[in-house]
Amino acid sequence: MKFSVIAVLVVALAIGSESASLVKRDAPAELDKITKYFQDLVDNLKNIEGTELANKANVYFEQSRAQLQPMVEKLQEQLKPLSSNIEDHIKPLAASVQAQVAPLAGLVQTHVEDVLKFVADQTKAILPPQ
């Protein structure tokens, strides 16, 4: 039982690792552009002071939104098949783990109820009658 749970976890980690490497291979240019955007944002915020900050920030955000929107949409399109592929692998694994754990959960619940009943009975025996 323990080995099958460990095996399921190893398979899930392998799928996640493979999926992450696929994302890295497909979208490095877009990620570089997004990283450059945030770096430029930080640099601009360091150079601006006072009330001028709000106005320049609004202008900068509007310009950046126009530049980033196509890249974000492209990344979302590239990630859609990947996320459905992960779901297809994880759902059967989750169902299998749940099927294996369900009997154990019932067994644990029965043992906890027995222990609580034993403690209650022993407590009643120890306490003086009222």
C-alpha atoms as a PDB file:
ATOM      1  CA  MET A   1       0.000   0.000   0.000  1.00  0.00           C
ATOM      2  CA  LYS A   2       2.757   2.432   0.962  1.00  0.00           C
ATOM      3  CA  PHE A   3       4.699   1.611  -2.153  1.00  0.00           C
ATOM      4  CA  SER A   4       1.727   2.264  -4.412  1.00  0.00           C
ATOM      5  CA  VAL A   5       1.144   5.683  -2.815  1.00  0.00           C
ATOM      6  CA  ILE A   6       4.837   6.501  -3.220  1.00  0.00           C
ATOM      7  CA  ALA A   7       4.705   5.306  -6.823  1.00  0.00           C
ATOM      8  CA  VAL A   8       1.701   7.548  -7.511  1.00  0.00           C
ATOM      9  CA  LEU A   9       3.537  10.533  -6.035  1.00  0.00           C
ATOM     10  CA  VAL A  10       6.656   9.808  -8.108  1.00  0.00           C
ATOM     11  CA  VAL A  11       4.580   9.572 -11.283  1.00  0.00           C
ATOM     12  CA  ALA A  12       2.770  12.834 -10.463  1.00  0.00           C
ATOM     13  CA  LEU A  13       6.082  14.606  -9.834  1.00  0.00           C
ATOM     14  CA  ALA A  14       7.504  13.232 -13.078  1.00  0.00           C
ATOM     15  CA  ILE A  15       4.489  14.493 -15.033  1.00  0.00           C
ATOM     16  CA  GLY A  16       4.750  17.911 -13.398  1.00  0.00           C
ATOM     17  CA  SER A  17       8.485  18.074 -14.097  1.00  0.00           C
ATOM     18  CA  GLU A  18       7.988  17.135 -17.741  1.00  0.00           C
ATOM     19  CA  SER A  19       5.194  19.674 -18.087  1.00  0.00           C
ATOM     20  CA  ALA A  20       7.348  22.416 -16.611  1.00  0.00           C
ATOM     21  CA  SER A  21      10.169  21.607 -19.016  1.00  0.00           C
ATOM     22  CA  LEU A  22       7.743  21.774 -21.941  1.00  0.00           C
ATOM     23  CA  VAL A  23       6.608  25.214 -20.835  1.00  0.00           C
ATOM     24  CA  LYS A  24      10.229  26.374 -20.548  1.00  0.00           C
ATOM     25  CA  ARG A  25      10.985  25.145 -24.054  1.00  0.00           C
ATOM     26  CA  ASP A  26       7.903  26.723 -25.632  1.00  0.00           C
ATOM     27  CA  ALA A  27       7.834  30.188 -24.176  1.00  0.00           C
ATOM     28  CA  PRO A  28      11.282  31.549 -23.226  1.00  0.00           C
ATOM     29  CA  ALA A  29      10.974  34.647 -25.423  1.00  0.00           C
ATOM     30  CA  GLU A  30       7.662  35.662 -23.887  1.00  0.00           C
ATOM     31  CA  LEU A  31       8.982  35.079 -20.391  1.00  0.00           C
ATOM     32  CA  ASP A  32      12.042  37.212 -21.158  1.00  0.00           C
ATOM     33  CA  LYS A  33       9.790  40.021 -22.364  1.00  0.00           C
ATOM     34  CA  ILE A  34       7.645  39.810 -19.238  1.00  0.00           C
ATOM     35  CA  THR A  35      10.757  39.791 -17.042  1.00  0.00           C
ATOM     36  CA  LYS A  36      12.109  42.830 -18.888  1.00  0.00           C
ATOM     37  CA  TYR A  37       8.752  44.561 -18.389  1.00  0.00           C
ATOM     38  CA  PHE A  38       8.875  44.131 -14.623  1.00  0.00           C
ATOM     39  CA  GLN A  39      12.535  45.131 -14.472  1.00  0.00           C
ATOM     40  CA  ASP A  40      11.753  48.317 -16.439  1.00  0.00           C
ATOM     41  CA  LEU A  41       8.847  48.973 -14.086  1.00  0.00           C
ATOM     42  CA  VAL A  42      11.087  48.719 -11.024  1.00  0.00           C
ATOM     43  CA  ASP A  43      13.739  50.944 -12.638  1.00  0.00           C
ATOM     44  CA  ASN A  44      11.157  53.590 -13.542  1.00  0.00           C
ATOM     45  CA  LEU A  45       9.647  53.552 -10.052  1.00  0.00           C
ATOM     46  CA  LYS A  46      13.081  54.146  -8.529  1.00  0.00           C
ATOM     47  CA  ASN A  47      13.663  57.223 -10.698  1.00  0.00           C
ATOM     48  CA  ILE A  48      10.313  58.958 -10.118  1.00  0.00           C
ATOM     49  CA  GLU A  49       9.346  60.935  -7.009  1.00  0.00           C
ATOM     50  CA  GLY A  50       6.222  62.557  -5.528  1.00  0.00           C
ATOM     51  CA  THR A  51       2.883  63.195  -7.261  1.00  0.00           C
ATOM     52  CA  GLU A  52       4.533  62.706 -10.621  1.00  0.00           C
ATOM     53  CA  LEU A  53       4.746  59.009  -9.751  1.00  0.00           C
ATOM     54  CA  ALA A  54       1.001  58.338 -10.060  1.00  0.00           C
ATOM     55  CA  ASN A  55       0.677  60.009 -13.465  1.00  0.00           C
ATOM     56  CA  LYS A  56       3.744  58.352 -14.941  1.00  0.00           C
ATOM     57  CA  ALA A  57       2.723  54.984 -13.484  1.00  0.00           C
ATOM     58  CA  ASN A  58      -0.714  55.168 -15.107  1.00  0.00           C
ATOM     59  CA  VAL A  59       0.773  56.040 -18.488  1.00  0.00           C
ATOM     60  CA  TYR A  60       3.405  53.325 -18.162  1.00  0.00           C
ATOM     61  CA  PHE A  61       0.848  50.687 -17.142  1.00  0.00           C
ATOM     62  CA  GLU A  62      -1.405  51.524 -20.069  1.00  0.00           C
ATOM     63  CA  GLN A  63       1.486  51.318 -22.528  1.00  0.00           C
ATOM     64  CA  SER A  64       2.726  48.097 -20.979  1.00  0.00           C
ATOM     65  CA  ARG A  65      -0.725  46.528 -20.976  1.00  0.00           C
ATOM     66  CA  ALA A  66      -0.980  47.151 -24.699  1.00  0.00           C
ATOM     67  CA  GLN A  67       2.423  45.497 -25.223  1.00  0.00           C
ATOM     68  CA  LEU A  68       1.891  42.559 -22.875  1.00  0.00           C
ATOM     69  CA  GLN A  69      -1.662  41.587 -23.792  1.00  0.00           C
ATOM     70  CA  PRO A  70      -0.713  39.735 -27.017  1.00  0.00           C
ATOM     71  CA  MET A  71       2.116  37.878 -25.250  1.00  0.00           C
ATOM     72  CA  VAL A  72      -0.158  36.838 -22.381  1.00  0.00           C
ATOM     73  CA  GLU A  73      -2.783  35.575 -24.811  1.00  0.00           C
ATOM     74  CA  LYS A  74      -0.132  33.626 -26.723  1.00  0.00           C
ATOM     75  CA  LEU A  75       1.159  32.039 -23.501  1.00  0.00           C
ATOM     76  CA  GLN A  76      -2.367  31.109 -22.461  1.00  0.00           C
ATOM     77  CA  GLU A  77      -2.972  29.419 -25.804  1.00  0.00           C
ATOM     78  CA  GLN A  78       0.287  27.466 -25.481  1.00  0.00           C
ATOM     79  CA  LEU A  79      -0.559  26.349 -21.935  1.00  0.00           C
ATOM     80  CA  LYS A  80      -4.130  25.192 -22.646  1.00  0.00           C
ATOM     81  CA  PRO A  81      -3.196  21.805 -24.163  1.00  0.00           C
ATOM     82  CA  LEU A  82      -0.610  21.295 -21.460  1.00  0.00           C
ATOM     83  CA  SER A  83      -3.057  21.854 -18.617  1.00  0.00           C
ATOM     84  CA  SER A  84      -5.652  19.514 -20.107  1.00  0.00           C
ATOM     85  CA  ASN A  85      -2.916  16.900 -20.615  1.00  0.00           C
ATOM     86  CA  ILE A  86      -1.918  17.162 -16.951  1.00  0.00           C
ATOM     87  CA  GLU A  87      -5.553  16.851 -15.874  1.00  0.00           C
ATOM     88  CA  ASP A  88      -5.932  13.720 -17.986  1.00  0.00           C
ATOM     89  CA  HIS A  89      -2.993  12.120 -16.135  1.00  0.00           C
ATOM     90  CA  ILE A  90      -3.745  13.354 -12.628  1.00  0.00           C
ATOM     91  CA  LYS A  91      -7.476  12.536 -12.456  1.00  0.00           C
ATOM     92  CA  PRO A  92      -7.021   8.734 -12.744  1.00  0.00           C
ATOM     93  CA  LEU A  93      -4.146   8.857 -10.254  1.00  0.00           C
ATOM     94  CA  ALA A  94      -6.224  10.861  -7.789  1.00  0.00           C
ATOM     95  CA  ALA A  95      -9.139   8.449  -8.154  1.00  0.00           C
ATOM     96  CA  SER A  96      -6.832   5.503  -7.546  1.00  0.00           C
ATOM     97  CA  VAL A  97      -5.304   7.085  -4.441  1.00  0.00           C
ATOM     98  CA  GLN A  98      -8.732   8.005  -3.136  1.00  0.00           C
ATOM     99  CA  ALA A  99      -9.962   4.432  -3.658  1.00  0.00           C
ATOM    100  CA  GLN A 100      -6.958   3.089  -1.754  1.00  0.00           C
ATOM    101  CA  VAL A 101      -7.230   5.590   1.107  1.00  0.00           C
ATOM    102  CA  ALA A 102     -11.009   5.356   1.636  1.00  0.00           C
ATOM    103  CA  PRO A 103     -10.933   1.986   3.474  1.00  0.00           C
ATOM    104  CA  LEU A 104      -8.078   3.218   5.651  1.00  0.00           C
ATOM    105  CA  ALA A 105     -10.015   6.343   6.580  1.00  0.00           C
ATOM    106  CA  GLY A 106     -12.963   4.224   7.700  1.00  0.00           C
ATOM    107  CA  LEU A 107     -10.648   1.998   9.705  1.00  0.00           C
ATOM    108  CA  VAL A 108      -9.014   4.985  11.413  1.00  0.00           C
ATOM    109  CA  GLN A 109     -12.417   6.462  12.215  1.00  0.00           C
ATOM    110  CA  THR A 110     -13.524   3.179  13.800  1.00  0.00           C
ATOM    111  CA  HIS A 111     -10.373   3.025  15.934  1.00  0.00           C
ATOM    112  CA  VAL A 112     -10.742   6.641  17.064  1.00  0.00           C
ATOM    113  CA  GLU A 113     -14.367   6.026  18.029  1.00  0.00           C
ATOM    114  CA  ASP A 114     -13.335   2.924  19.995  1.00  0.00           C
ATOM    115  CA  VAL A 115     -10.608   4.856  21.826  1.00  0.00           C
ATOM    116  CA  LEU A 116     -12.990   7.703  22.671  1.00  0.00           C
ATOM    117  CA  LYS A 117     -15.605   5.233  23.947  1.00  0.00           C
ATOM    118  CA  PHE A 118     -12.963   3.500  26.077  1.00  0.00           C
ATOM    119  CA  VAL A 119     -11.780   6.829  27.532  1.00  0.00           C
ATOM    120  CA  ALA A 120     -15.364   7.872  28.271  1.00  0.00           C
ATOM    121  CA  ASP A 121     -16.110   4.544  29.990  1.00  0.00           C
ATOM    122  CA  GLN A 122     -12.924   4.717  32.066  1.00  0.00           C
ATOM    123  CA  THR A 123     -13.646   8.319  33.031  1.00  0.00           C
ATOM    124  CA  LYS A 124     -17.154   7.371  34.177  1.00  0.00           C
ATOM    125  CA  ALA A 125     -15.697   4.527  36.257  1.00  0.00           C
ATOM    126  CA  ILE A 126     -13.150   6.807  37.945  1.00  0.00           C
ATOM    127  CA  LEU A 127     -15.473   9.741  38.708  1.00  0.00           C
ATOM    128  CA  PRO A 128     -17.684   9.490  41.803  1.00  0.00           C
ATOM    129  CA  PRO A 129     -21.426   9.232  41.175  1.00  0.00           C
ATOM    130  CA  GLN A 130     -23.301  12.516  41.343  1.00  0.00           C
END
